[in-house]
Protein backbone atom coordinates (compact mmCIF):
# COMPACT_ATOMS: atom_id res chain seq x y z
CA UNK A 1 -33.50 2.49 11.44
CA UNK A 2 -32.32 1.06 8.25
CA UNK A 3 -28.97 -0.99 8.89
CA UNK A 4 -26.47 -0.62 5.56
CA UNK A 5 -23.52 -2.96 5.09
CA UNK A 6 -20.59 -1.14 3.18
CA UNK A 7 -17.94 -3.62 1.61
CA UNK A 8 -14.97 -1.78 1.11
CA UNK A 9 -13.40 1.07 3.32
CA UNK A 10 -11.70 2.96 0.25
CA UNK A 11 -12.68 6.31 -1.00
CA UNK A 12 -15.84 4.94 -2.48
CA UNK A 13 -16.92 3.27 0.39
CA UNK A 14 -16.52 6.09 2.75
CA UNK A 15 -17.90 8.46 0.17
CA UNK A 16 -21.15 6.07 -0.01
CA UNK A 17 -21.67 6.04 4.25
CA UNK A 18 -20.76 9.94 4.19
CA UNK A 19 -23.73 10.04 1.72
CA UNK A 20 -25.96 7.65 3.37
CA UNK A 21 -25.54 9.50 7.06
CA UNK A 22 -25.95 12.80 5.36
CA UNK A 23 -28.90 11.95 3.25
CA UNK A 24 -31.07 10.33 5.99
CA UNK A 25 -31.03 10.38 9.46
CA UNK A 26 -32.71 7.43 9.98
CA UNK A 27 -29.55 5.04 8.51
CA UNK A 28 -26.77 3.56 10.06
CA UNK A 29 -23.90 2.18 8.25
CA UNK A 30 -21.47 -0.55 9.20
CA UNK A 31 -18.29 -0.41 6.47
CA UNK A 32 -16.43 -3.99 6.38
CA UNK A 33 -13.02 -4.38 5.60
CA UNK A 34 -10.94 -7.50 4.75
CA UNK A 35 -7.77 -5.80 6.49
CA UNK A 36 -7.78 -4.30 9.80
CA UNK A 37 -6.85 -1.01 7.82
CA UNK A 38 -9.31 1.40 6.45
CA UNK A 39 -8.69 3.74 3.69
CA UNK A 40 -8.42 1.13 0.80
CA UNK A 41 -6.04 2.57 -2.13
CA UNK A 42 -5.54 5.75 -0.20
CA UNK A 43 -3.67 3.74 1.95
CA UNK A 44 -2.24 1.02 0.10
CA UNK A 45 -2.07 2.41 -3.35
CA UNK A 46 -0.98 6.26 -3.22
CA UNK A 47 2.52 6.57 -3.28
CA UNK A 48 4.58 7.21 0.13
CA UNK A 49 5.67 10.77 -1.08
CA UNK A 50 2.56 11.93 -2.36
CA UNK A 51 1.78 12.81 0.89
CA UNK A 52 -1.10 15.64 -0.28
CA UNK A 53 -2.85 12.74 -1.84
CA UNK A 54 -2.16 10.59 1.17
CA UNK A 55 -3.63 13.56 4.07
CA UNK A 56 -7.28 12.71 2.08
CA UNK A 57 -7.32 10.15 5.17
CA UNK A 58 -7.83 12.93 7.37
CA UNK A 59 -11.41 12.89 5.43
CA UNK A 60 -11.58 9.54 5.28
CA UNK A 61 -11.71 9.10 8.88
CA UNK A 62 -13.95 12.13 10.12
CA UNK A 63 -16.59 9.94 8.02
CA UNK A 64 -15.49 6.76 9.81
CA UNK A 65 -15.86 8.62 13.47
CA UNK A 66 -19.50 9.38 12.80
CA UNK A 67 -21.92 8.30 15.29
CA UNK A 68 -23.92 6.38 13.09
CA UNK A 69 -21.03 4.73 11.26
CA UNK A 70 -19.12 1.58 12.30
CA UNK A 71 -15.69 0.48 11.26
CA UNK A 72 -15.62 -3.68 11.13
CA UNK A 73 -11.95 -4.53 9.83
CA UNK A 74 -10.61 -7.85 9.33
CA UNK A 75 -14.24 -9.24 7.94
CA UNK A 76 -13.64 -11.47 4.95
CA UNK A 77 -16.58 -11.49 2.60
CA UNK A 78 -17.28 -14.71 0.54
CA UNK A 79 -15.09 -17.61 0.64
CA UNK A 80 -13.37 -18.49 3.71
CA UNK A 81 -15.29 -15.91 5.49
CA UNK A 82 -19.35 -14.23 5.35
CA UNK A 83 -20.83 -15.30 2.62
CA UNK A 84 -23.19 -12.44 0.79
CA UNK A 85 -26.36 -14.32 1.86
CA UNK A 86 -25.39 -13.83 5.81
CA UNK A 87 -24.86 -10.27 5.17
CA UNK A 88 -28.51 -9.84 3.12
CA UNK A 89 -29.82 -11.81 6.45
CA UNK A 90 -28.38 -9.06 8.62
CA UNK A 91 -29.04 -5.65 6.94
CA UNK A 92 -31.44 -4.58 4.85
CA UNK A 93 -28.91 -3.16 2.06
CA UNK A 94 -25.42 -4.41 1.23
CA UNK A 95 -23.17 -1.94 -1.00
CA UNK A 96 -20.18 -3.36 -2.50
CA UNK A 97 -17.32 -1.01 -2.99
CA UNK A 98 -14.62 -3.43 -3.67
CA UNK A 99 -12.42 -1.84 -6.38
CA UNK A 100 -10.36 -3.61 -9.16
CA UNK A 101 -8.38 -6.25 -6.78
CA UNK A 102 -6.04 -7.94 -10.30
CA UNK A 103 -3.93 -6.48 -12.85
CA UNK A 104 -3.89 -7.36 -16.25
CA UNK A 105 -1.68 -9.24 -17.72
CA UNK A 106 0.59 -8.39 -20.98
CA UNK A 107 0.25 -12.38 -22.75
CA UNK A 108 3.64 -12.62 -23.75
CA UNK A 109 6.24 -15.52 -23.47
CA UNK A 110 8.60 -14.21 -20.64
CA UNK A 111 6.14 -12.55 -18.72
CA UNK A 112 6.08 -14.88 -15.65
CA UNK A 113 10.17 -14.70 -15.34
CA UNK A 114 12.11 -13.76 -12.19
CA UNK A 115 12.57 -9.91 -12.35
CA UNK A 116 8.93 -9.43 -13.86
CA UNK A 117 6.64 -8.02 -11.97
CA UNK A 118 3.28 -6.24 -11.89
CA UNK A 119 3.00 -2.59 -10.81
CA UNK A 120 0.59 -3.67 -8.34
CA UNK A 121 3.02 -6.36 -6.29
CA UNK A 122 5.64 -3.25 -6.30
CA UNK A 123 3.07 -0.63 -5.05
CA UNK A 124 1.82 -3.24 -2.00
CA UNK A 125 5.16 -3.90 -1.15
CA UNK A 126 6.58 -0.12 -0.88
CA UNK A 127 2.98 0.80 0.45
CA UNK A 128 3.17 -2.10 3.10
CA UNK A 129 0.07 -3.85 2.42
CA UNK A 130 -0.01 -7.12 4.41
CA UNK A 131 -1.10 -9.17 1.61
CA UNK A 132 1.93 -8.89 -0.26
CA UNK A 133 4.54 -11.32 1.26
CA UNK A 134 1.43 -14.23 0.55
CA UNK A 135 1.84 -13.70 -3.57
CA UNK A 136 5.75 -13.57 -3.46
CA UNK A 137 7.00 -15.62 -6.43
CA UNK A 138 10.16 -15.87 -8.75
CA UNK A 139 12.25 -17.22 -6.49
CA UNK A 140 12.33 -14.13 -4.04
CA UNK A 141 10.63 -15.11 -0.49
CA UNK A 142 12.59 -11.48 0.65
CA UNK A 143 11.44 -7.82 -0.35
CA UNK A 144 14.51 -6.51 -1.69
CA UNK A 145 13.84 -9.12 -4.19
CA UNK A 146 12.47 -6.46 -6.51
CA UNK A 147 15.62 -4.36 -6.99
CA UNK A 148 18.43 -6.95 -5.47
CA UNK A 149 20.93 -7.36 -8.34
CA UNK A 150 19.35 -4.56 -10.82
CA UNK A 151 20.84 -1.84 -12.65
CA UNK A 152 18.27 -0.91 -15.56
CA UNK A 153 14.30 -1.37 -14.95
CA UNK A 154 11.75 -0.97 -17.36
CA UNK A 155 8.33 0.06 -16.73
CA UNK A 156 5.98 -0.60 -19.34
CA UNK A 157 2.62 1.37 -19.08
CA UNK A 158 2.26 5.03 -19.59
CA UNK A 159 -0.22 5.89 -17.23
CA UNK A 160 -0.18 7.87 -13.81
CA UNK A 161 0.78 4.20 -11.70
CA UNK A 162 3.96 3.81 -14.44
CA UNK A 163 5.14 7.56 -12.88
CA UNK A 164 4.61 6.67 -9.71
CA UNK A 165 6.42 3.01 -9.61
CA UNK A 166 9.63 5.20 -12.30
CA UNK A 167 9.30 8.03 -9.52
CA UNK A 168 9.97 5.30 -6.91
CA UNK A 169 12.94 3.71 -8.29
CA UNK A 170 14.50 6.81 -8.54
CA UNK A 171 14.05 8.40 -5.39
CA UNK A 172 16.75 8.56 -2.49
CA UNK A 173 16.39 7.24 1.09
CA UNK A 174 16.79 11.33 1.88
CA UNK A 175 13.33 11.83 0.16
CA UNK A 176 11.51 8.47 1.31
CA UNK A 177 12.72 8.47 4.72
CA UNK A 178 10.25 10.86 6.22
CA UNK A 179 7.17 8.92 4.56
CA UNK A 180 5.58 6.24 6.06
CA UNK A 181 7.41 3.60 3.57
CA UNK A 182 8.10 0.44 5.45
CA UNK A 183 11.67 0.12 6.72
CA UNK A 184 12.42 -3.06 4.74
CA UNK A 185 11.41 -1.43 1.64
CA UNK A 186 13.08 1.97 2.57
CA UNK A 187 16.79 -0.12 3.05
CA UNK A 188 15.94 -1.88 -0.20
CA UNK A 189 15.59 0.98 -2.15
CA UNK A 190 18.18 2.81 -0.40
CA UNK A 191 20.62 0.37 -1.38
CA UNK A 192 19.38 0.09 -5.10
CA UNK A 193 21.67 -0.06 -7.99
CA UNK A 194 18.89 0.91 -10.48
CA UNK A 195 20.47 3.70 -12.34
CA UNK A 196 18.34 3.38 -15.84
CA UNK A 197 14.84 3.33 -16.10
CA UNK A 198 13.09 3.14 -19.46
CA UNK A 199 9.12 3.95 -19.00
CA UNK A 200 7.77 2.76 -22.74
CA UNK A 201 4.08 3.10 -23.85
CA UNK A 202 2.82 0.88 -27.11
CA UNK A 203 1.01 4.87 -28.42
CA UNK A 204 2.01 8.16 -28.93
CA UNK A 205 2.39 11.00 -25.81
CA UNK A 206 -0.42 12.45 -27.03
CA UNK A 207 -2.49 9.15 -26.17
CA UNK A 208 -0.56 8.64 -22.48
CA UNK A 209 -3.16 8.28 -19.65
CA UNK A 210 -0.58 9.94 -16.79
CA UNK A 211 -1.63 13.60 -15.66
CA UNK A 212 0.59 16.56 -16.61
CA UNK A 213 1.29 17.00 -12.60
CA UNK A 214 2.21 13.64 -12.23
CA UNK A 215 4.70 13.79 -15.48
CA UNK A 216 6.37 16.82 -14.28
CA UNK A 217 7.37 15.63 -10.99
CA UNK A 218 9.70 13.51 -13.11
CA UNK A 219 11.52 16.26 -14.20
CA UNK A 220 12.12 17.55 -10.56
CA UNK A 221 13.38 14.60 -9.20
CA UNK A 222 16.68 15.26 -7.40
CA UNK A 223 19.51 13.96 -9.60
CA UNK A 224 18.00 12.39 -12.13
CA UNK A 225 17.70 13.11 -15.65
CA UNK A 226 14.56 13.06 -17.78
CA UNK A 227 14.92 12.10 -21.53
CA UNK A 228 12.46 11.87 -24.59
CA UNK A 229 13.70 10.77 -28.40
CA UNK A 230 12.35 13.73 -30.63
CA UNK A 231 11.97 11.30 -33.36
CA UNK A 232 9.37 8.96 -31.21
CA UNK A 233 7.26 11.67 -30.77
CA UNK A 234 7.03 13.22 -34.10
CA UNK A 235 5.54 10.09 -35.00
CA UNK A 236 2.68 10.97 -33.33
CA UNK A 237 0.61 13.09 -35.84
CA UNK A 238 -0.52 15.25 -32.78
CA UNK A 239 2.65 15.91 -32.00
CA UNK A 240 3.83 18.82 -34.59
CA UNK A 241 0.52 20.69 -33.39
CA UNK A 242 -1.27 19.63 -30.22
CA UNK A 243 -3.34 22.84 -30.36
CA UNK A 244 -6.75 20.12 -30.98
CA UNK A 245 -5.68 18.18 -28.47
CA UNK A 246 -7.93 18.48 -25.06
CA UNK A 247 -6.22 20.25 -22.47
CA UNK A 248 -4.53 17.74 -20.51
CA UNK A 249 -3.08 15.80 -23.37
CA UNK A 250 -1.85 19.20 -25.28
CA UNK A 251 -0.29 20.05 -21.72
CA UNK A 252 1.71 16.54 -21.55
CA UNK A 253 3.12 17.18 -24.89
CA UNK A 254 4.35 20.54 -24.49
CA UNK A 255 6.25 19.09 -20.87
CA UNK A 256 7.74 16.53 -23.38
CA UNK A 257 8.78 18.51 -26.19
CA UNK A 258 10.56 20.53 -23.34
CA UNK A 259 12.36 17.51 -22.28
CA UNK A 260 13.11 16.51 -25.96
CA UNK A 261 14.93 20.34 -26.23
CA UNK A 262 16.97 19.75 -23.28
CA UNK A 263 20.69 19.34 -23.43
CA UNK A 264 21.84 15.96 -21.85
CA UNK A 265 23.49 16.55 -18.24
CA UNK A 266 25.64 14.05 -15.65
CA UNK A 267 22.94 12.48 -12.94
CA UNK A 268 22.31 9.43 -10.88
CA UNK A 269 19.27 8.37 -12.34
CA UNK A 270 18.07 8.51 -16.01
CA UNK A 271 14.76 8.18 -16.92
CA UNK A 272 14.19 7.72 -20.89
CA UNK A 273 10.32 8.09 -21.75
CA UNK A 274 9.33 5.98 -24.83
CA UNK A 275 6.91 5.76 -27.25
CA UNK A 276 5.65 3.73 -30.18
CA UNK A 277 6.89 0.01 -28.43
CA UNK A 278 4.97 -3.09 -28.06
CA UNK A 279 6.61 -5.52 -25.65
CA UNK A 280 6.33 -8.58 -27.73
CA UNK A 281 8.43 -10.77 -25.45
CA UNK A 282 10.55 -11.08 -22.05
CA UNK A 283 14.22 -12.27 -22.78
CA UNK A 284 15.83 -14.50 -20.45
CA UNK A 285 19.73 -14.30 -18.99
CA UNK A 286 21.38 -16.34 -16.43
CA UNK A 287 17.61 -17.47 -15.09
CA UNK A 288 15.97 -14.33 -14.90
CA UNK A 289 14.56 -11.40 -17.07
CA UNK A 290 17.88 -9.73 -19.06
CA UNK A 291 15.71 -7.33 -21.29
CA UNK A 292 12.69 -6.55 -23.16
CA UNK A 293 12.08 -7.07 -26.84
CA UNK A 294 9.91 -4.58 -28.43
CA UNK A 295 8.23 -4.16 -31.52
CA UNK A 296 7.99 -0.41 -33.33
CA UNK A 297 4.76 0.70 -33.95
CA UNK A 298 3.17 3.54 -35.93
CA UNK A 299 -0.15 5.16 -36.15
CA UNK A 300 -2.62 3.37 -37.94
CA UNK A 301 -4.94 6.64 -38.49
CA UNK A 302 -7.81 5.19 -36.72
CA UNK A 303 -6.35 6.25 -33.10
CA UNK A 304 -4.70 2.46 -32.16
CA UNK A 305 -1.53 1.35 -33.96
CA UNK A 306 0.05 -1.41 -36.03
CA UNK A 307 3.17 -2.95 -35.59
CA UNK A 308 5.83 -2.14 -38.02
CA UNK A 309 7.98 -5.69 -37.98
CA UNK A 310 11.10 -3.78 -36.71
CA UNK A 311 12.19 -4.76 -33.21
CA UNK A 312 14.35 -3.35 -30.20
CA UNK A 313 15.74 -5.04 -27.26
CA UNK A 314 16.15 -2.96 -24.03
CA UNK A 315 18.25 -4.52 -21.12
CA UNK A 316 16.58 -4.76 -17.77
CA UNK A 317 16.81 -6.67 -14.76
CA UNK A 318 13.76 -5.62 -13.22
CA UNK A 319 10.18 -5.58 -15.00
CA UNK A 320 7.46 -3.63 -13.95
CA UNK A 321 4.20 -4.03 -15.57
CA UNK A 322 1.77 -1.13 -15.52
CA UNK A 323 -1.06 -2.08 -18.14
CA UNK A 324 -4.07 -1.37 -15.79
CA UNK A 325 -6.16 -3.00 -13.50
CA UNK A 326 -9.29 -5.16 -13.44
CA UNK A 327 -12.67 -6.47 -11.13
CA UNK A 328 -12.73 -9.78 -9.86
CA UNK A 329 -16.01 -12.01 -9.54
CA UNK A 330 -17.59 -11.27 -5.91
CA UNK A 331 -18.97 -14.72 -4.49
CA UNK A 332 -22.66 -14.79 -4.88
CA UNK A 333 -22.39 -11.40 -7.25
CA UNK A 334 -23.35 -11.42 -11.18
CA UNK A 335 -19.98 -10.62 -12.80
CA UNK A 336 -19.59 -9.02 -16.57
CA UNK A 337 -16.27 -10.62 -17.45
CA UNK A 338 -15.71 -8.41 -20.89
CA UNK A 339 -15.91 -5.57 -18.42
CA UNK A 340 -15.09 -6.66 -14.66
CA UNK A 341 -17.74 -4.66 -13.50
CA UNK A 342 -21.09 -6.51 -11.85
CA UNK A 343 -24.17 -5.21 -14.22
CA UNK A 344 -26.03 -2.75 -12.39
CA UNK A 345 -28.83 0.18 -13.10
CA UNK A 346 -27.59 3.27 -11.51
CA UNK A 347 -25.80 1.22 -8.67
CA UNK A 348 -28.75 -1.42 -8.34
CA UNK A 349 -27.19 -4.66 -8.82
CA UNK A 350 -28.80 -6.67 -12.11
CA UNK A 351 -29.62 -10.10 -11.58
CA UNK A 352 -30.30 -11.63 -15.37
CA UNK A 353 -31.49 -8.16 -16.38
CA UNK A 354 -33.82 -7.53 -13.30
CA UNK A 355 -32.68 -5.27 -9.86
CA UNK A 356 -31.78 -7.56 -7.05
CA UNK A 357 -33.45 -6.02 -3.91
CA UNK A 358 -31.00 -4.76 -1.47
CA UNK A 359 -27.51 -5.51 -3.43
CA UNK A 360 -26.13 -2.43 -4.75
CA UNK A 361 -22.41 -1.29 -5.92
CA UNK A 362 -20.13 1.82 -6.08
CA UNK A 363 -16.48 2.46 -7.00
CA UNK A 364 -14.80 0.60 -9.71
CA UNK A 365 -16.44 -2.27 -9.47
CA UNK A 366 -19.25 -0.40 -10.66
CA UNK A 367 -17.99 1.60 -13.21
CA UNK A 368 -14.49 -0.10 -14.05
CA UNK A 369 -10.94 1.21 -13.16
CA UNK A 370 -11.40 4.69 -14.19
CA UNK A 371 -11.34 8.24 -12.84
CA UNK A 372 -9.57 10.00 -10.26
CA UNK A 373 -10.34 9.68 -6.50
CA UNK A 374 -12.55 12.31 -6.58
CA UNK A 375 -14.78 10.73 -9.10
CA UNK A 376 -16.04 8.39 -6.55
CA UNK A 377 -17.61 10.87 -4.67
CA UNK A 378 -20.52 11.14 -7.38
CA UNK A 379 -20.39 7.82 -8.08
CA UNK A 380 -21.29 6.06 -4.52
CA UNK A 381 -24.01 9.54 -4.48
CA UNK A 382 -25.82 8.03 -7.64
CA UNK A 383 -25.93 4.43 -5.64
CA UNK A 384 -26.78 5.83 -2.58
CA UNK A 385 -29.77 7.90 -4.38
CA UNK A 386 -31.13 4.59 -5.71
CA UNK A 387 -31.02 2.78 -2.32
CA UNK A 388 -33.02 6.06 -0.65
CA UNK A 389 -35.45 5.45 -3.10
CA UNK A 390 -35.67 2.00 -2.38
CA UNK A 391 -35.55 2.68 1.57
CA UNK A 392 -39.43 2.09 2.39
CA UNK A 393 -39.23 -1.57 0.88
CA UNK A 394 -36.27 -2.48 2.15
CA UNK A 395 -36.52 -1.27 5.65
CA UNK A 396 -39.84 -3.50 6.27
CA UNK A 397 -37.98 -6.26 6.55
CA UNK A 398 -37.09 -7.46 10.03
CA UNK A 399 -33.36 -8.50 10.92
CA UNK A 400 -32.24 -10.28 13.85
CA UNK A 401 -30.86 -7.71 15.62
CA UNK A 402 -27.63 -5.88 15.60
CA UNK A 403 -25.33 -7.14 12.75
CA UNK A 404 -22.34 -7.26 15.00
CA UNK A 405 -23.63 -9.57 17.65
CA UNK A 406 -24.58 -12.11 14.68
CA UNK A 407 -20.98 -11.77 13.34
CA UNK A 408 -19.02 -12.59 16.89
CA UNK A 409 -22.02 -15.39 17.44
CA UNK A 410 -20.69 -16.55 13.80
CA UNK A 411 -17.40 -16.84 15.16
CA UNK A 412 -16.26 -13.32 13.30
CA UNK A 413 -14.09 -10.98 15.55
CA UNK A 414 -14.18 -7.39 13.74
CA UNK A 415 -11.50 -5.10 14.68
CA UNK A 416 -13.38 -2.18 15.49
CA UNK A 417 -12.40 1.71 15.23
CA UNK A 418 -10.23 1.31 18.58
CA UNK A 419 -8.31 -1.38 17.43
CA UNK A 420 -7.26 0.39 14.14
CA UNK A 421 -6.10 3.25 16.58
CA UNK A 422 -3.83 0.58 18.50
CA UNK A 423 -2.50 0.51 14.95
CA UNK A 424 -1.98 4.03 14.31
CA UNK A 425 -0.21 3.84 17.99
CA UNK A 426 2.21 1.08 17.33
CA UNK A 427 3.00 2.74 13.61
CA UNK A 428 3.89 5.92 15.05
CA UNK A 429 5.74 3.85 18.20
CA UNK A 430 7.77 2.27 15.70
CA UNK A 431 8.72 5.31 13.32
CA UNK A 432 10.13 6.82 16.51
CA UNK A 433 12.00 3.74 17.58
CA UNK A 434 13.47 4.40 13.79
CA UNK A 435 14.36 8.07 14.33
CA UNK A 436 11.43 8.36 11.43
CA UNK A 437 7.61 9.86 11.12
CA UNK A 438 4.78 7.22 11.69
CA UNK A 439 6.36 3.63 9.60
CA UNK A 440 4.01 1.42 8.13
CA UNK A 441 3.51 -2.41 9.73
CA UNK A 442 3.94 -4.33 6.77
CA UNK A 443 2.23 -7.77 7.78
CA UNK A 444 -0.51 -9.28 9.06
CA UNK A 445 1.05 -10.65 12.07
CA UNK A 446 2.24 -7.01 12.84
CA UNK A 447 -0.89 -5.65 12.65
CA UNK A 448 -2.76 -8.09 14.66
CA UNK A 449 -0.21 -8.03 17.52
CA UNK A 450 -1.01 -4.28 17.63
CA UNK A 451 -4.82 -4.43 17.47
CA UNK A 452 -4.18 -7.08 20.45
CA UNK A 453 -1.78 -4.99 22.45
CA UNK A 454 1.87 -6.89 21.56
CA UNK A 455 3.15 -4.63 19.51
CA UNK A 456 5.49 -2.00 20.87
């Protein structure tokens, strides 16, 4: 029997486990996760109002309930946890599916001002990620520090995460209450005085990274007006005739064109989509961010943009930076800092150009933060095919017994599937007590109390 550890229980980890048990009846898989909860970014990255996408958890649940798959949550790998070398002793193979754990920075003055946050932090807050309180800064120990005192917000970036955070800022309590958003975040957003939201990109509409489905959602928000300045759109050479664009970008331009032609109307929230503006500085006001200075850009004729030396300040007491994710080095594994990935050959980890037996990668740490959730399925299958090709050589090594027994002997107490089911029950009970559906437990203490039966 081949024993495989999959590190990470998000889509790439679950698809890896699924392919392994489907393609080989002699494989047992332990899916390890640092958190006591499975599903990765489906639980902690998909916006709460995207319930259809979040329902993917039901598919991932089926994988984790397979008779030859075990979920072992609350297991930290690397520093302050189980060393990677120890995993290699306990399993014939280890597949790392850990995603891209940090956000990119703008690298401009004022980025660290109070009121300036990465979109990742904002998403972690409204998604109830238990790590979020550990990363608070800017003198905002309470979660409503995001929106408290803000009337205008700037979202820097024009990808789907930027659209998500823009949409969440414009959502009301009526729309969010039926979701699993933590009660603290719901209360703060319900009390928010943010009415003006600018979502800003440094390039043109034909190069924006959001999908048309996400974009259209902004236009369907209650009591919200979406505007686009036609003069900014016209700076894009492809705007006048989008017929040569790939279909997704062409559809985006068509949606923006329709908004640019729409007459203004009264609404509580105003979302402005801005283009050809590059952030150069966050400006302080009363000790926190008060506005963002942008330089007007223009197409450089090579697919990029160049500065024009003209500047514009946009008022904002809240700035959310959504300019991409980056992978971080994993203890004991090689790392390509330029791409933020682990060097590999069809999923096999490469050490100084040579295949490292028994070590594999899948997901964002393999290919970088690209694609949608479904992209992880073929990515995982490629890695699994490599692993199974190596299986005969890997299985020849004798293991010290059941890895779970060895981990417990080492002092590690994983949260097994019944522990996760206890968390689910506690979240259902919390929601019922609040007159809502399932409501997430947003901190480590509450989660672990639930695992051990202490939450009601």
